[in-house]
PDB file of N, CA and C in Angstrom:
ATOM      1  N   MET A   1      -7.021 -21.428  32.746  1.00  0.00           N
ATOM      2  CA  MET A   1      -7.394 -20.032  32.677  1.00  0.00           C
ATOM      3  C   MET A   1      -7.924 -19.743  31.275  1.00  0.00           C
ATOM      4  N   SER A   2      -8.909 -18.928  31.200  1.00  0.00           N
ATOM      5  CA  SER A   2      -9.537 -18.584  29.935  1.00  0.00           C
ATOM      6  C   SER A   2      -8.587 -17.774  29.059  1.00  0.00           C
ATOM      7  N   GLN A   3      -8.681 -17.968  27.754  1.00  0.00           N
ATOM      8  CA  GLN A   3      -7.876 -17.181  26.829  1.00  0.00           C
ATOM      9  C   GLN A   3      -8.387 -15.751  26.736  1.00  0.00           C
ATOM     10  N   ALA A   4      -9.518 -15.478  27.356  1.00  0.00           N
ATOM     11  CA  ALA A   4     -10.059 -14.118  27.362  1.00  0.00           C
ATOM     12  C   ALA A   4      -9.174 -13.183  28.177  1.00  0.00           C
ATOM     13  N   PHE A   5      -8.251 -13.751  28.944  1.00  0.00           N
ATOM     14  CA  PHE A   5      -7.387 -12.939  29.789  1.00  0.00           C
ATOM     15  C   PHE A   5      -5.992 -12.761  29.200  1.00  0.00           C
ATOM     16  N   VAL A   6      -5.896 -12.738  27.882  1.00  0.00           N
ATOM     17  CA  VAL A   6      -4.614 -12.517  27.223  1.00  0.00           C
ATOM     18  C   VAL A   6      -4.230 -11.059  27.407  1.00  0.00           C
ATOM     19  N   LYS A   7      -2.983 -10.842  27.803  1.00  0.00           N
ATOM     20  CA  LYS A   7      -2.510  -9.472  28.021  1.00  0.00           C
ATOM     21  C   LYS A   7      -2.381  -8.744  26.695  1.00  0.00           C
ATOM     22  N   GLU A   8      -2.856  -7.518  26.652  1.00  0.00           N
ATOM     23  CA  GLU A   8      -2.755  -6.710  25.445  1.00  0.00           C
ATOM     24  C   GLU A   8      -1.308  -6.410  25.098  1.00  0.00           C
ATOM     25  N   SER A   9      -0.441  -6.366  26.082  1.00  0.00           N
ATOM     26  CA  SER A   9       0.962  -6.033  25.842  1.00  0.00           C
ATOM     27  C   SER A   9       1.732  -7.157  25.148  1.00  0.00           C
ATOM     28  N   ASP A  10       1.117  -8.339  24.969  1.00  0.00           N
ATOM     29  CA  ASP A  10       1.770  -9.429  24.261  1.00  0.00           C
ATOM     30  C   ASP A  10       1.871  -9.154  22.762  1.00  0.00           C
ATOM     31  N   GLU A  11       1.092  -8.209  22.251  1.00  0.00           N
ATOM     32  CA  GLU A  11       1.112  -7.876  20.845  1.00  0.00           C
ATOM     33  C   GLU A  11       2.412  -7.157  20.512  1.00  0.00           C
ATOM     34  N   GLN A  12       3.002  -7.539  19.390  1.00  0.00           N
ATOM     35  CA  GLN A  12       4.260  -6.921  18.969  1.00  0.00           C
ATOM     36  C   GLN A  12       4.071  -6.380  17.562  1.00  0.00           C
ATOM     37  N   TRP A  13       4.658  -5.237  17.285  1.00  0.00           N
ATOM     38  CA  TRP A  13       4.537  -4.604  15.983  1.00  0.00           C
ATOM     39  C   TRP A  13       5.822  -4.807  15.190  1.00  0.00           C
ATOM     40  N   LEU A  14       5.693  -4.751  13.871  1.00  0.00           N
ATOM     41  CA  LEU A  14       6.833  -4.942  12.977  1.00  0.00           C
ATOM     42  C   LEU A  14       7.980  -4.003  13.327  1.00  0.00           C
ATOM     43  N   HIS A  15       7.685  -2.740  13.577  1.00  0.00           N
ATOM     44  CA  HIS A  15       8.744  -1.772  13.856  1.00  0.00           C
ATOM     45  C   HIS A  15       9.384  -1.955  15.235  1.00  0.00           C
ATOM     46  N   ASP A  16       8.824  -2.856  16.052  1.00  0.00           N
ATOM     47  CA  ASP A  16       9.375  -3.105  17.388  1.00  0.00           C
ATOM     48  C   ASP A  16      10.380  -4.250  17.441  1.00  0.00           C
ATOM     49  N   ILE A  17      10.465  -5.054  16.373  1.00  0.00           N
ATOM     50  CA  ILE A  17      11.358  -6.209  16.436  1.00  0.00           C
ATOM     51  C   ILE A  17      12.798  -5.793  16.143  1.00  0.00           C
ATOM     52  N   GLN A  18      13.727  -6.652  16.523  1.00  0.00           N
ATOM     53  CA  GLN A  18      15.152  -6.365  16.323  1.00  0.00           C
ATOM     54  C   GLN A  18      15.462  -6.252  14.832  1.00  0.00           C
ATOM     55  N   PRO A  19      16.456  -5.465  14.471  1.00  0.00           N
ATOM     56  CA  PRO A  19      16.773  -5.241  13.057  1.00  0.00           C
ATOM     57  C   PRO A  19      17.624  -6.337  12.427  1.00  0.00           C
ATOM     58  N   THR A  20      17.261  -7.608  12.684  1.00  0.00           N
ATOM     59  CA  THR A  20      17.978  -8.726  12.081  1.00  0.00           C
ATOM     60  C   THR A  20      17.015  -9.522  11.211  1.00  0.00           C
ATOM     61  N   LEU A  21      17.558 -10.188  10.201  1.00  0.00           N
ATOM     62  CA  LEU A  21      16.719 -10.999   9.326  1.00  0.00           C
ATOM     63  C   LEU A  21      16.076 -12.148  10.099  1.00  0.00           C
ATOM     64  N   ASN A  22      16.815 -12.740  11.020  1.00  0.00           N
ATOM     65  CA  ASN A  22      16.260 -13.830  11.817  1.00  0.00           C
ATOM     66  C   ASN A  22      15.063 -13.358  12.640  1.00  0.00           C
ATOM     67  N   ALA A  23      15.158 -12.194  13.241  1.00  0.00           N
ATOM     68  CA  ALA A  23      14.040 -11.657  14.017  1.00  0.00           C
ATOM     69  C   ALA A  23      12.837 -11.401  13.115  1.00  0.00           C
ATOM     70  N   LEU A  24      13.087 -10.932  11.897  1.00  0.00           N
ATOM     71  CA  LEU A  24      12.002 -10.709  10.941  1.00  0.00           C
ATOM     72  C   LEU A  24      11.325 -12.025  10.585  1.00  0.00           C
ATOM     73  N   VAL A  25      12.112 -13.053  10.312  1.00  0.00           N
ATOM     74  CA  VAL A  25      11.552 -14.372   9.966  1.00  0.00           C
ATOM     75  C   VAL A  25      10.708 -14.916  11.115  1.00  0.00           C
ATOM     76  N   VAL A  26      11.210 -14.839  12.333  1.00  0.00           N
ATOM     77  CA  VAL A  26      10.470 -15.328  13.503  1.00  0.00           C
ATOM     78  C   VAL A  26       9.153 -14.569  13.659  1.00  0.00           C
ATOM     79  N   TYR A  27       9.213 -13.241  13.544  1.00  0.00           N
ATOM     80  CA  TYR A  27       8.018 -12.410  13.684  1.00  0.00           C
ATOM     81  C   TYR A  27       6.988 -12.746  12.594  1.00  0.00           C
ATOM     82  N   LEU A  28       7.440 -12.808  11.326  1.00  0.00           N
ATOM     83  CA  LEU A  28       6.510 -13.070  10.227  1.00  0.00           C
ATOM     84  C   LEU A  28       5.917 -14.469  10.318  1.00  0.00           C
ATOM     85  N   THR A  29       6.711 -15.447  10.747  1.00  0.00           N
ATOM     86  CA  THR A  29       6.206 -16.807  10.918  1.00  0.00           C
ATOM     87  C   THR A  29       5.139 -16.843  12.006  1.00  0.00           C
ATOM     88  N   ARG A  30       5.358 -16.149  13.106  1.00  0.00           N
ATOM     89  CA  ARG A  30       4.368 -16.087  14.184  1.00  0.00           C
ATOM     90  C   ARG A  30       3.086 -15.407  13.694  1.00  0.00           C
ATOM     91  N   GLU A  31       3.223 -14.320  12.929  1.00  0.00           N
ATOM     92  CA  GLU A  31       2.066 -13.605  12.400  1.00  0.00           C
ATOM     93  C   GLU A  31       1.328 -14.418  11.338  1.00  0.00           C
ATOM     94  N   ASN A  32       1.996 -15.398  10.757  1.00  0.00           N
ATOM     95  CA  ASN A  32       1.437 -16.250   9.707  1.00  0.00           C
ATOM     96  C   ASN A  32       0.912 -17.560  10.292  1.00  0.00           C
ATOM     97  N   ASN A  33       0.480 -17.526  11.540  1.00  0.00           N
ATOM     98  CA  ASN A  33      -0.082 -18.689  12.244  1.00  0.00           C
ATOM     99  C   ASN A  33       0.863 -19.878  12.267  1.00  0.00           C
ATOM    100  N   GLY A  34       2.164 -19.596  12.393  1.00  0.00           N
ATOM    101  CA  GLY A  34       3.152 -20.658  12.534  1.00  0.00           C
ATOM    102  C   GLY A  34       3.646 -21.241  11.224  1.00  0.00           C
ATOM    103  N   ILE A  35       3.084 -20.811  10.099  1.00  0.00           N
ATOM    104  CA  ILE A  35       3.560 -21.289   8.797  1.00  0.00           C
ATOM    105  C   ILE A  35       4.825 -20.509   8.456  1.00  0.00           C
ATOM    106  N   ARG A  36       5.917 -21.234   8.241  1.00  0.00           N
ATOM    107  CA  ARG A  36       7.235 -20.620   8.065  1.00  0.00           C
ATOM    108  C   ARG A  36       7.250 -19.622   6.925  1.00  0.00           C
ATOM    109  N   VAL A  37       7.771 -18.445   7.202  1.00  0.00           N
ATOM    110  CA  VAL A  37       8.019 -17.411   6.201  1.00  0.00           C
ATOM    111  C   VAL A  37       9.532 -17.340   6.039  1.00  0.00           C
ATOM    112  N   TYR A  38       9.994 -17.283   4.807  1.00  0.00           N
ATOM    113  CA  TYR A  38      11.434 -17.270   4.549  1.00  0.00           C
ATOM    114  C   TYR A  38      11.761 -16.236   3.467  1.00  0.00           C
ATOM    115  N   GLU A  39      13.029 -15.893   3.403  1.00  0.00           N
ATOM    116  CA  GLU A  39      13.484 -14.931   2.407  1.00  0.00           C
ATOM    117  C   GLU A  39      13.607 -15.606   1.046  1.00  0.00           C
ATOM    118  N   ILE A  40      13.010 -14.993   0.036  1.00  0.00           N
ATOM    119  CA  ILE A  40      13.122 -15.503  -1.329  1.00  0.00           C
ATOM    120  C   ILE A  40      14.357 -14.919  -2.002  1.00  0.00           C
ATOM    121  N   LYS A  41      14.533 -13.602  -1.873  1.00  0.00           N
ATOM    122  CA  LYS A  41      15.737 -12.964  -2.406  1.00  0.00           C
ATOM    123  C   LYS A  41      15.916 -11.616  -1.729  1.00  0.00           C
ATOM    124  N   ASN A  42      17.113 -11.073  -1.859  1.00  0.00           N
ATOM    125  CA  ASN A  42      17.360  -9.717  -1.379  1.00  0.00           C
ATOM    126  C   ASN A  42      18.193  -8.981  -2.416  1.00  0.00           C
ATOM    127  N   TYR A  43      18.052  -7.669  -2.389  1.00  0.00           N
ATOM    128  CA  TYR A  43      18.773  -6.819  -3.325  1.00  0.00           C
ATOM    129  C   TYR A  43      18.849  -5.407  -2.752  1.00  0.00           C
ATOM    130  N   VAL A  44      19.672  -4.584  -3.344  1.00  0.00           N
ATOM    131  CA  VAL A  44      19.785  -3.188  -2.939  1.00  0.00           C
ATOM    132  C   VAL A  44      19.063  -2.351  -4.000  1.00  0.00           C
ATOM    133  N   ASP A  45      18.139  -1.508  -3.560  1.00  0.00           N
ATOM    134  CA  ASP A  45      17.385  -0.684  -4.508  1.00  0.00           C
ATOM    135  C   ASP A  45      18.193   0.528  -4.949  1.00  0.00           C
ATOM    136  N   LYS A  46      17.604   1.352  -5.813  1.00  0.00           N
ATOM    137  CA  LYS A  46      18.328   2.501  -6.365  1.00  0.00           C
ATOM    138  C   LYS A  46      18.689   3.550  -5.321  1.00  0.00           C
ATOM    139  N   ASN A  47      18.025   3.504  -4.152  1.00  0.00           N
ATOM    140  CA  ASN A  47      18.324   4.440  -3.062  1.00  0.00           C
ATOM    141  C   ASN A  47      19.326   3.881  -2.063  1.00  0.00           C
ATOM    142  N   GLY A  48      19.819   2.669  -2.328  1.00  0.00           N
ATOM    143  CA  GLY A  48      20.805   2.056  -1.452  1.00  0.00           C
ATOM    144  C   GLY A  48      20.223   1.266  -0.288  1.00  0.00           C
ATOM    145  N   LYS A  49      18.897   1.068  -0.276  1.00  0.00           N
ATOM    146  CA  LYS A  49      18.248   0.297   0.792  1.00  0.00           C
ATOM    147  C   LYS A  49      18.281  -1.187   0.441  1.00  0.00           C
ATOM    148  N   GLU A  50      18.604  -2.018   1.427  1.00  0.00           N
ATOM    149  CA  GLU A  50      18.574  -3.458   1.237  1.00  0.00           C
ATOM    150  C   GLU A  50      17.127  -3.926   1.381  1.00  0.00           C
ATOM    151  N   ILE A  51      16.603  -4.567   0.335  1.00  0.00           N
ATOM    152  CA  ILE A  51      15.221  -5.038   0.294  1.00  0.00           C
ATOM    153  C   ILE A  51      15.223  -6.557   0.430  1.00  0.00           C
ATOM    154  N   HIS A  52      14.334  -7.063   1.276  1.00  0.00           N
ATOM    155  CA  HIS A  52      14.198  -8.506   1.492  1.00  0.00           C
ATOM    156  C   HIS A  52      12.818  -8.936   1.016  1.00  0.00           C
ATOM    157  N   GLU A  53      12.776  -9.710  -0.076  1.00  0.00           N
ATOM    158  CA  GLU A  53      11.511 -10.262  -0.558  1.00  0.00           C
ATOM    159  C   GLU A  53      11.257 -11.559   0.197  1.00  0.00           C
ATOM    160  N   MET A  54      10.080 -11.645   0.813  1.00  0.00           N
ATOM    161  CA  MET A  54       9.768 -12.781   1.659  1.00  0.00           C
ATOM    162  C   MET A  54       8.686 -13.660   1.020  1.00  0.00           C
ATOM    163  N   SER A  55       8.582 -14.881   1.509  1.00  0.00           N
ATOM    164  CA  SER A  55       7.653 -15.845   0.943  1.00  0.00           C
ATOM    165  C   SER A  55       6.187 -15.510   1.215  1.00  0.00           C
ATOM    166  N   ASN A  56       5.926 -14.525   2.047  1.00  0.00           N
ATOM    167  CA  ASN A  56       4.540 -14.122   2.299  1.00  0.00           C
ATOM    168  C   ASN A  56       4.044 -13.127   1.248  1.00  0.00           C
ATOM    169  N   GLY A  57       4.875 -12.833   0.243  1.00  0.00           N
ATOM    170  CA  GLY A  57       4.472 -11.965  -0.845  1.00  0.00           C
ATOM    171  C   GLY A  57       4.794 -10.496  -0.632  1.00  0.00           C
ATOM    172  N   LEU A  58       5.391 -10.151   0.491  1.00  0.00           N
ATOM    173  CA  LEU A  58       5.729  -8.766   0.782  1.00  0.00           C
ATOM    174  C   LEU A  58       7.245  -8.594   0.822  1.00  0.00           C
ATOM    175  N   SER A  59       7.671  -7.344   0.654  1.00  0.00           N
ATOM    176  CA  SER A  59       9.083  -7.007   0.750  1.00  0.00           C
ATOM    177  C   SER A  59       9.278  -6.078   1.944  1.00  0.00           C
ATOM    178  N   TYR A  60      10.419  -6.214   2.600  1.00  0.00           N
ATOM    179  CA  TYR A  60      10.708  -5.468   3.826  1.00  0.00           C
ATOM    180  C   TYR A  60      12.075  -4.812   3.717  1.00  0.00           C
ATOM    181  N   ALA A  61      12.209  -3.688   4.399  1.00  0.00           N
ATOM    182  CA  ALA A  61      13.489  -2.983   4.473  1.00  0.00           C
ATOM    183  C   ALA A  61      13.565  -2.320   5.841  1.00  0.00           C
ATOM    184  N   LYS A  62      14.740  -1.797   6.159  1.00  0.00           N
ATOM    185  CA  LYS A  62      14.921  -1.062   7.411  1.00  0.00           C
ATOM    186  C   LYS A  62      15.064   0.419   7.101  1.00  0.00           C
ATOM    187  N   ASP A  63      14.455   1.249   7.946  1.00  0.00           N
ATOM    188  CA  ASP A  63      14.567   2.693   7.773  1.00  0.00           C
ATOM    189  C   ASP A  63      15.881   3.194   8.370  1.00  0.00           C
ATOM    190  N   ASN A  64      16.049   4.490   8.403  1.00  0.00           N
ATOM    191  CA  ASN A  64      17.297   5.071   8.926  1.00  0.00           C
ATOM    192  C   ASN A  64      17.509   4.826  10.416  1.00  0.00           C
ATOM    193  N   ASP A  65      16.435   4.463  11.129  1.00  0.00           N
ATOM    194  CA  ASP A  65      16.542   4.128  12.553  1.00  0.00           C
ATOM    195  C   ASP A  65      16.632   2.624  12.778  1.00  0.00           C
ATOM    196  N   SER A  66      16.896   1.861  11.703  1.00  0.00           N
ATOM    197  CA  SER A  66      16.979   0.390  11.751  1.00  0.00           C
ATOM    198  C   SER A  66      15.686  -0.256  12.214  1.00  0.00           C
ATOM    199  N   LYS A  67      14.562   0.314  11.832  1.00  0.00           N
ATOM    200  CA  LYS A  67      13.241  -0.255  12.127  1.00  0.00           C
ATOM    201  C   LYS A  67      12.697  -0.855  10.836  1.00  0.00           C
ATOM    202  N   TRP A  68      12.127  -2.070  10.927  1.00  0.00           N
ATOM    203  CA  TRP A  68      11.571  -2.746   9.772  1.00  0.00           C
ATOM    204  C   TRP A  68      10.311  -2.043   9.292  1.00  0.00           C
ATOM    205  N   TYR A  69      10.109  -2.042   7.970  1.00  0.00           N
ATOM    206  CA  TYR A  69       8.862  -1.562   7.394  1.00  0.00           C
ATOM    207  C   TYR A  69       8.582  -2.324   6.109  1.00  0.00           C
ATOM    208  N   VAL A  70       7.314  -2.324   5.673  1.00  0.00           N
ATOM    209  CA  VAL A  70       6.913  -2.970   4.432  1.00  0.00           C
ATOM    210  C   VAL A  70       7.182  -2.009   3.290  1.00  0.00           C
ATOM    211  N   VAL A  71       7.849  -2.508   2.264  1.00  0.00           N
ATOM    212  CA  VAL A  71       8.176  -1.673   1.099  1.00  0.00           C
ATOM    213  C   VAL A  71       6.956  -1.584   0.204  1.00  0.00           C
TER     214      VAL A  71
END
């Protein structure tokens, strides 16, 4: 079957993934064409949010609804 028939609903957004670090790693690795993305360090910012610095050069945190976002 042709790849032209890929379902649009297969696309997943950052804010749709589970609020776990493992789910974030899996999602970012998939978005990075299979090249593993891993956590470099984490810390709590001055507002009390846990920040995860990842190997893709971006930092991520969860909002008050436990949805991931880019810091």
